[in-house]
Amino acid sequence: GRTVSHYRIEWDPVQTFNSANTGGALGVSTVAVEDLELINEEYHWDITGLTAGVSYYVRVFADNAEGRSEPTLATPAPALVSHAPLAPRAVAVTTATTQSTPITHMDVTWEPPVSNGGSAITGYKVEWWRRARQNEVQAVQVE
């Protein structure tokens, strides 16, 4: 057979690949074989501009001088686009300012991030630093 010269890569949140205004796939790239990255005998292509939290179907066609192949659907289908969440907002620390016993605790509050990156937040990590205790030293100076 003829050598594959290009691959057509399509992505869409709808399995029928027809959510674009034109009735076709939301995204399409036709890429020459020499422009693809080859890693461990597999071709790689980065699809950019996707929306976090949206699942996309991806399919690939092979092109040569004779025409275009049938598509192969990527797995998993669909794939969820996600990234690390944004930082929590409005982080605040409060503690008592006076009390009859030593102050030994503080309260930390925050609001969830504006974006969870497309995946549910499963926890928060709270870190703090504690300075070593220093005893008060009083000095009396006699003149």
N, C-alpha and C. Protein backbone atom coordinates (compact mmCIF):
# COMPACT_ATOMS: atom_id res chain seq x y z
N GLY A 1 0.80 -1.18 0.00
CA GLY A 1 0.00 0.00 0.00
C GLY A 1 0.85 1.25 0.00
N ARG A 2 0.18 2.35 -0.13
CA ARG A 2 0.83 3.66 -0.13
C ARG A 2 1.20 4.09 1.28
N THR A 3 2.23 4.89 1.40
CA THR A 3 2.69 5.39 2.69
C THR A 3 1.73 6.46 3.20
N VAL A 4 1.45 6.42 4.49
CA VAL A 4 0.61 7.45 5.11
C VAL A 4 1.38 8.77 5.10
N SER A 5 0.73 9.83 4.60
CA SER A 5 1.39 11.14 4.53
C SER A 5 0.89 12.10 5.62
N HIS A 6 -0.37 11.96 6.02
CA HIS A 6 -0.97 12.85 7.00
C HIS A 6 -1.93 12.07 7.90
N TYR A 7 -2.19 12.66 9.04
CA TYR A 7 -3.25 12.15 9.91
C TYR A 7 -4.22 13.29 10.17
N ARG A 8 -5.49 12.98 10.16
CA ARG A 8 -6.53 13.96 10.50
C ARG A 8 -7.00 13.60 11.90
N ILE A 9 -6.94 14.57 12.81
CA ILE A 9 -7.32 14.38 14.20
C ILE A 9 -8.53 15.27 14.47
N GLU A 10 -9.60 14.66 14.96
CA GLU A 10 -10.82 15.40 15.27
C GLU A 10 -11.17 15.20 16.73
N TRP A 11 -11.72 16.26 17.37
CA TRP A 11 -12.17 16.16 18.75
C TRP A 11 -13.48 16.90 18.91
N ASP A 12 -14.32 16.38 19.80
CA ASP A 12 -15.66 16.95 19.98
C ASP A 12 -16.24 16.41 21.29
N PRO A 13 -17.03 17.24 21.99
CA PRO A 13 -17.69 16.72 23.20
C PRO A 13 -18.85 15.79 22.89
N VAL A 14 -19.25 15.70 21.63
CA VAL A 14 -20.37 14.85 21.22
C VAL A 14 -19.83 13.65 20.43
N GLN A 15 -20.29 12.47 20.75
CA GLN A 15 -19.77 11.25 20.13
C GLN A 15 -20.00 11.20 18.62
N THR A 16 -20.97 11.95 18.13
CA THR A 16 -21.25 11.97 16.69
C THR A 16 -20.38 12.98 15.94
N PHE A 17 -19.53 13.72 16.67
CA PHE A 17 -18.59 14.68 16.08
C PHE A 17 -19.31 15.71 15.21
N ASN A 18 -20.37 16.29 15.74
CA ASN A 18 -21.12 17.27 14.95
C ASN A 18 -21.57 18.48 15.77
N SER A 19 -20.83 18.86 16.80
CA SER A 19 -21.29 19.96 17.66
C SER A 19 -20.86 21.34 17.16
N ALA A 20 -20.00 21.43 16.16
CA ALA A 20 -19.58 22.74 15.65
C ALA A 20 -20.73 23.39 14.89
N ASN A 21 -20.66 24.69 14.74
CA ASN A 21 -21.70 25.42 14.00
C ASN A 21 -21.86 24.91 12.57
N THR A 22 -20.80 24.35 12.02
CA THR A 22 -20.84 23.84 10.65
C THR A 22 -21.45 22.45 10.56
N GLY A 23 -21.75 21.84 11.71
CA GLY A 23 -22.28 20.49 11.73
C GLY A 23 -21.19 19.44 11.78
N GLY A 24 -19.94 19.89 11.79
CA GLY A 24 -18.80 18.95 11.87
C GLY A 24 -18.22 18.92 13.26
N ALA A 25 -17.03 18.35 13.36
CA ALA A 25 -16.34 18.24 14.65
C ALA A 25 -15.97 19.62 15.17
N LEU A 26 -15.93 19.76 16.49
CA LEU A 26 -15.58 21.02 17.13
C LEU A 26 -14.15 21.42 16.77
N GLY A 27 -13.23 20.45 16.74
CA GLY A 27 -11.84 20.74 16.41
C GLY A 27 -11.28 19.75 15.42
N VAL A 28 -10.44 20.25 14.50
CA VAL A 28 -9.83 19.40 13.47
C VAL A 28 -8.40 19.87 13.24
N SER A 29 -7.47 18.93 13.19
CA SER A 29 -6.09 19.21 12.77
C SER A 29 -5.69 18.16 11.76
N THR A 30 -5.13 18.59 10.65
CA THR A 30 -4.52 17.67 9.68
C THR A 30 -3.03 17.88 9.77
N VAL A 31 -2.31 16.82 10.14
CA VAL A 31 -0.90 16.94 10.49
C VAL A 31 -0.06 16.01 9.62
N ALA A 32 1.00 16.56 9.03
CA ALA A 32 1.94 15.74 8.25
C ALA A 32 2.68 14.80 9.19
N VAL A 33 2.96 13.61 8.72
CA VAL A 33 3.64 12.61 9.54
C VAL A 33 4.93 13.17 10.13
N GLU A 34 5.69 13.92 9.33
CA GLU A 34 6.98 14.44 9.81
C GLU A 34 6.82 15.51 10.90
N ASP A 35 5.61 16.05 11.09
CA ASP A 35 5.37 17.03 12.14
C ASP A 35 4.90 16.40 13.45
N LEU A 36 4.67 15.12 13.45
CA LEU A 36 4.25 14.42 14.66
C LEU A 36 5.47 14.00 15.47
N GLU A 37 5.31 13.97 16.78
CA GLU A 37 6.37 13.50 17.67
C GLU A 37 6.25 11.98 17.81
N LEU A 38 7.35 11.28 17.63
CA LEU A 38 7.35 9.82 17.74
C LEU A 38 8.02 9.43 19.04
N ILE A 39 7.26 8.82 19.96
CA ILE A 39 7.77 8.39 21.26
C ILE A 39 7.41 6.92 21.43
N ASN A 40 8.43 6.08 21.65
CA ASN A 40 8.21 4.64 21.82
C ASN A 40 7.33 4.05 20.71
N GLU A 41 7.62 4.44 19.50
CA GLU A 41 6.93 3.93 18.31
C GLU A 41 5.46 4.32 18.26
N GLU A 42 5.08 5.40 18.97
CA GLU A 42 3.72 5.93 18.92
C GLU A 42 3.78 7.40 18.54
N TYR A 43 2.88 7.82 17.66
CA TYR A 43 2.80 9.23 17.30
C TYR A 43 2.06 10.00 18.39
N HIS A 44 2.53 11.23 18.65
CA HIS A 44 1.91 12.10 19.66
C HIS A 44 1.59 13.45 19.05
N TRP A 45 0.42 13.99 19.40
CA TRP A 45 -0.01 15.31 18.97
C TRP A 45 -0.76 15.96 20.12
N ASP A 46 -0.41 17.19 20.47
CA ASP A 46 -1.08 17.90 21.55
C ASP A 46 -2.27 18.67 21.01
N ILE A 47 -3.42 18.44 21.59
CA ILE A 47 -4.63 19.20 21.26
C ILE A 47 -4.73 20.30 22.30
N THR A 48 -4.75 21.54 21.85
CA THR A 48 -4.78 22.68 22.78
C THR A 48 -6.11 23.41 22.68
N GLY A 49 -6.34 24.31 23.64
CA GLY A 49 -7.54 25.14 23.63
C GLY A 49 -8.79 24.44 24.12
N LEU A 50 -8.63 23.31 24.81
CA LEU A 50 -9.79 22.58 25.33
C LEU A 50 -10.28 23.24 26.61
N THR A 51 -11.50 22.95 27.00
CA THR A 51 -12.10 23.51 28.21
C THR A 51 -12.04 22.48 29.33
N ALA A 52 -11.44 22.90 30.47
CA ALA A 52 -11.35 22.01 31.63
C ALA A 52 -12.75 21.63 32.10
N GLY A 53 -12.91 20.40 32.49
CA GLY A 53 -14.19 19.91 32.98
C GLY A 53 -15.09 19.36 31.89
N VAL A 54 -14.65 19.47 30.64
CA VAL A 54 -15.42 18.96 29.51
C VAL A 54 -14.78 17.66 29.03
N SER A 55 -15.60 16.66 28.76
CA SER A 55 -15.11 15.40 28.19
C SER A 55 -15.15 15.49 26.67
N TYR A 56 -14.10 14.99 26.04
CA TYR A 56 -13.99 15.04 24.58
C TYR A 56 -13.79 13.64 24.01
N TYR A 57 -14.40 13.42 22.87
CA TYR A 57 -14.12 12.25 22.05
C TYR A 57 -13.06 12.66 21.04
N VAL A 58 -12.15 11.74 20.75
CA VAL A 58 -11.09 12.01 19.78
C VAL A 58 -11.04 10.85 18.80
N ARG A 59 -10.90 11.18 17.52
CA ARG A 59 -10.73 10.13 16.52
C ARG A 59 -9.66 10.55 15.53
N VAL A 60 -9.02 9.55 14.93
CA VAL A 60 -7.91 9.79 14.02
C VAL A 60 -8.14 9.04 12.72
N PHE A 61 -7.88 9.73 11.60
CA PHE A 61 -7.92 9.15 10.26
C PHE A 61 -6.50 9.16 9.69
N ALA A 62 -6.18 8.22 8.83
CA ALA A 62 -4.90 8.21 8.10
C ALA A 62 -5.17 8.62 6.65
N ASP A 63 -4.30 9.47 6.10
CA ASP A 63 -4.42 9.92 4.71
C ASP A 63 -3.19 9.47 3.92
N ASN A 64 -3.42 9.08 2.66
CA ASN A 64 -2.33 8.85 1.72
C ASN A 64 -2.80 9.25 0.32
N ALA A 65 -2.04 8.95 -0.69
CA ALA A 65 -2.38 9.35 -2.06
C ALA A 65 -3.68 8.72 -2.54
N GLU A 66 -4.12 7.64 -1.93
CA GLU A 66 -5.34 6.95 -2.35
C GLU A 66 -6.59 7.50 -1.67
N GLY A 67 -6.43 8.24 -0.56
CA GLY A 67 -7.59 8.78 0.13
C GLY A 67 -7.46 8.74 1.64
N ARG A 68 -8.59 8.71 2.31
CA ARG A 68 -8.64 8.76 3.78
C ARG A 68 -9.23 7.46 4.31
N SER A 69 -8.66 7.00 5.44
CA SER A 69 -9.15 5.78 6.10
C SER A 69 -10.43 6.04 6.87
N GLU A 70 -11.01 4.98 7.39
CA GLU A 70 -12.07 5.10 8.38
C GLU A 70 -11.42 5.58 9.68
N PRO A 71 -12.18 6.25 10.55
CA PRO A 71 -11.58 6.75 11.79
C PRO A 71 -11.41 5.65 12.84
N THR A 72 -10.45 5.88 13.73
CA THR A 72 -10.29 5.06 14.93
C THR A 72 -10.56 5.96 16.12
N LEU A 73 -11.46 5.53 16.99
CA LEU A 73 -11.82 6.30 18.17
C LEU A 73 -10.79 6.06 19.26
N ALA A 74 -10.29 7.15 19.85
CA ALA A 74 -9.29 7.06 20.92
C ALA A 74 -9.93 6.52 22.19
N THR A 75 -9.12 5.89 23.02
CA THR A 75 -9.58 5.43 24.32
C THR A 75 -8.79 6.15 25.41
N PRO A 76 -9.34 6.47 26.55
CA PRO A 76 -10.75 6.23 26.87
C PRO A 76 -11.63 7.19 26.09
N ALA A 77 -12.85 6.78 25.89
CA ALA A 77 -13.81 7.63 25.16
C ALA A 77 -15.04 7.83 26.02
N PRO A 78 -15.34 9.01 26.40
CA PRO A 78 -14.59 10.23 26.16
C PRO A 78 -13.50 10.43 27.22
N ALA A 79 -12.58 11.36 26.94
CA ALA A 79 -11.51 11.70 27.89
C ALA A 79 -11.86 13.02 28.55
N LEU A 80 -11.74 13.09 29.86
CA LEU A 80 -12.04 14.30 30.62
C LEU A 80 -10.81 15.18 30.67
N VAL A 81 -10.97 16.44 30.29
CA VAL A 81 -9.88 17.41 30.37
C VAL A 81 -9.87 18.00 31.76
N SER A 82 -8.75 17.88 32.46
CA SER A 82 -8.67 18.44 33.80
C SER A 82 -7.24 18.90 34.08
N HIS A 83 -7.12 19.72 35.10
CA HIS A 83 -5.82 20.22 35.55
C HIS A 83 -5.93 20.48 37.05
N ALA A 84 -4.83 20.85 37.65
CA ALA A 84 -4.86 21.15 39.09
C ALA A 84 -5.82 22.30 39.35
N PRO A 85 -6.50 22.28 40.48
CA PRO A 85 -7.43 23.37 40.78
C PRO A 85 -6.68 24.68 41.02
N LEU A 86 -7.40 25.78 40.90
CA LEU A 86 -6.83 27.07 41.28
C LEU A 86 -6.69 27.10 42.80
N ALA A 87 -5.99 28.09 43.30
CA ALA A 87 -5.74 28.21 44.74
C ALA A 87 -7.02 28.59 45.48
N PRO A 88 -7.14 28.14 46.74
CA PRO A 88 -8.28 28.59 47.56
C PRO A 88 -8.27 30.12 47.68
N ARG A 89 -9.44 30.68 47.96
CA ARG A 89 -9.57 32.14 48.06
C ARG A 89 -9.84 32.55 49.50
N ALA A 90 -9.58 33.82 49.78
CA ALA A 90 -9.92 34.45 51.06
C ALA A 90 -9.42 33.64 52.26
N VAL A 91 -8.17 33.23 52.22
CA VAL A 91 -7.59 32.48 53.35
C VAL A 91 -7.35 33.44 54.51
N ALA A 92 -7.81 33.08 55.70
CA ALA A 92 -7.67 33.95 56.87
C ALA A 92 -7.36 33.11 58.10
N VAL A 93 -6.58 33.69 59.00
CA VAL A 93 -6.25 33.06 60.28
C VAL A 93 -6.76 33.97 61.38
N THR A 94 -7.46 33.38 62.33
CA THR A 94 -7.93 34.15 63.49
C THR A 94 -7.54 33.39 64.75
N THR A 95 -7.33 34.16 65.80
CA THR A 95 -7.02 33.57 67.10
C THR A 95 -7.45 34.55 68.18
N ALA A 96 -7.59 34.07 69.38
CA ALA A 96 -7.93 34.95 70.49
C ALA A 96 -6.77 35.93 70.69
N THR A 97 -7.09 37.13 71.08
CA THR A 97 -6.01 38.09 71.35
C THR A 97 -5.69 38.18 72.83
N THR A 98 -6.67 37.86 73.65
CA THR A 98 -6.41 37.82 75.10
C THR A 98 -7.27 36.71 75.70
N GLN A 99 -6.70 36.04 76.66
CA GLN A 99 -7.44 35.08 77.46
C GLN A 99 -6.61 34.76 78.68
N SER A 100 -7.24 34.20 79.70
CA SER A 100 -6.56 33.99 80.98
C SER A 100 -5.56 32.84 80.93
N THR A 101 -5.70 31.93 79.96
CA THR A 101 -4.75 30.82 79.81
C THR A 101 -3.97 31.02 78.53
N PRO A 102 -2.88 30.32 78.36
CA PRO A 102 -2.10 30.50 77.13
C PRO A 102 -2.96 30.21 75.88
N ILE A 103 -2.74 31.00 74.86
CA ILE A 103 -3.45 30.82 73.59
C ILE A 103 -2.73 29.70 72.83
N THR A 104 -3.43 28.60 72.61
CA THR A 104 -2.79 27.42 72.00
C THR A 104 -3.42 26.98 70.69
N HIS A 105 -4.32 27.78 70.14
CA HIS A 105 -4.93 27.37 68.87
C HIS A 105 -5.26 28.59 68.01
N MET A 106 -5.48 28.33 66.75
CA MET A 106 -5.94 29.35 65.82
C MET A 106 -6.90 28.69 64.85
N ASP A 107 -7.74 29.48 64.22
CA ASP A 107 -8.70 28.98 63.24
C ASP A 107 -8.29 29.46 61.86
N VAL A 108 -8.33 28.57 60.88
CA VAL A 108 -8.03 28.91 59.49
C VAL A 108 -9.31 28.71 58.69
N THR A 109 -9.66 29.71 57.89
CA THR A 109 -10.84 29.61 57.04
C THR A 109 -10.45 29.97 55.61
N TRP A 110 -11.21 29.45 54.64
CA TRP A 110 -10.98 29.78 53.24
C TRP A 110 -12.23 29.47 52.44
N GLU A 111 -12.25 30.03 51.22
CA GLU A 111 -13.32 29.74 50.27
C GLU A 111 -12.76 28.82 49.20
N PRO A 112 -13.58 27.96 48.64
CA PRO A 112 -13.09 27.07 47.58
C PRO A 112 -12.57 27.88 46.39
N PRO A 113 -11.70 27.28 45.58
CA PRO A 113 -11.21 27.98 44.40
C PRO A 113 -12.32 28.27 43.40
N VAL A 114 -12.09 29.23 42.54
CA VAL A 114 -13.05 29.57 41.49
C VAL A 114 -13.21 28.39 40.54
N SER A 115 -12.10 27.67 40.27
CA SER A 115 -12.15 26.52 39.37
C SER A 115 -11.55 25.30 40.07
N ASN A 116 -12.25 24.16 39.96
CA ASN A 116 -11.71 22.92 40.53
C ASN A 116 -10.88 22.16 39.49
N GLY A 117 -10.66 22.75 38.32
CA GLY A 117 -9.83 22.13 37.29
C GLY A 117 -10.54 21.04 36.52
N GLY A 118 -11.81 20.88 36.75
CA GLY A 118 -12.56 19.87 36.01
C GLY A 118 -12.78 18.58 36.78
N SER A 119 -12.31 18.55 38.02
CA SER A 119 -12.45 17.35 38.83
C SER A 119 -12.80 17.78 40.26
N ALA A 120 -13.55 16.99 40.96
CA ALA A 120 -13.94 17.34 42.33
C ALA A 120 -12.72 17.49 43.23
N ILE A 121 -12.74 18.48 44.10
CA ILE A 121 -11.67 18.65 45.08
C ILE A 121 -11.86 17.63 46.18
N THR A 122 -10.82 16.87 46.46
CA THR A 122 -10.92 15.78 47.43
C THR A 122 -10.30 16.13 48.78
N GLY A 123 -9.63 17.27 48.87
CA GLY A 123 -9.04 17.64 50.14
C GLY A 123 -8.24 18.92 50.02
N TYR A 124 -7.82 19.44 51.15
CA TYR A 124 -6.99 20.63 51.22
C TYR A 124 -5.79 20.31 52.09
N LYS A 125 -4.67 20.93 51.81
CA LYS A 125 -3.47 20.77 52.64
C LYS A 125 -3.22 22.10 53.35
N VAL A 126 -3.20 22.06 54.68
CA VAL A 126 -2.96 23.26 55.48
C VAL A 126 -1.59 23.09 56.12
N GLU A 127 -0.72 24.05 55.89
CA GLU A 127 0.63 24.00 56.47
C GLU A 127 0.84 25.22 57.36
N TRP A 128 1.68 25.07 58.34
CA TRP A 128 2.03 26.18 59.21
C TRP A 128 3.44 26.02 59.69
N TRP A 129 3.98 27.11 60.18
CA TRP A 129 5.34 27.13 60.71
C TRP A 129 5.24 27.58 62.16
N ARG A 130 6.01 26.93 63.01
CA ARG A 130 5.99 27.28 64.42
C ARG A 130 7.40 27.67 64.83
N ARG A 131 7.54 28.87 65.35
CA ARG A 131 8.83 29.35 65.82
C ARG A 131 9.12 28.70 67.17
N ALA A 132 10.38 28.39 67.38
CA ALA A 132 10.77 27.79 68.65
C ALA A 132 10.41 28.76 69.80
N ARG A 133 10.00 28.19 70.89
CA ARG A 133 9.60 28.98 72.04
C ARG A 133 10.81 29.70 72.63
N GLN A 134 10.62 30.96 72.93
CA GLN A 134 11.69 31.72 73.56
C GLN A 134 11.21 32.23 74.91
N ASN A 135 11.94 31.88 75.93
CA ASN A 135 11.59 32.37 77.26
C ASN A 135 11.95 33.83 77.38
N GLU A 136 11.14 34.54 78.14
CA GLU A 136 11.40 35.96 78.34
C GLU A 136 12.62 36.11 79.25
N VAL A 137 13.48 37.02 78.89
CA VAL A 137 14.66 37.32 79.70
C VAL A 137 14.56 38.77 80.19
N GLN A 138 14.63 38.93 81.50
CA GLN A 138 14.59 40.29 82.03
C GLN A 138 15.96 40.62 82.60
N ALA A 139 16.37 41.79 82.33
CA ALA A 139 17.67 42.25 82.85
C ALA A 139 17.45 43.52 83.65
N VAL A 140 18.15 43.59 84.76
CA VAL A 140 18.09 44.78 85.60
C VAL A 140 19.46 45.42 85.55
N GLN A 141 19.47 46.68 85.21
CA GLN A 141 20.73 47.39 85.12
C GLN A 141 20.85 48.33 86.33
N VAL A 142 21.93 48.26 87.06
CA VAL A 142 22.16 49.11 88.23
C VAL A 142 23.22 50.12 87.87
N GLU A 143 22.96 51.37 88.21
CA GLU A 143 23.95 52.41 87.92
C GLU A 143 24.54 52.96 89.16
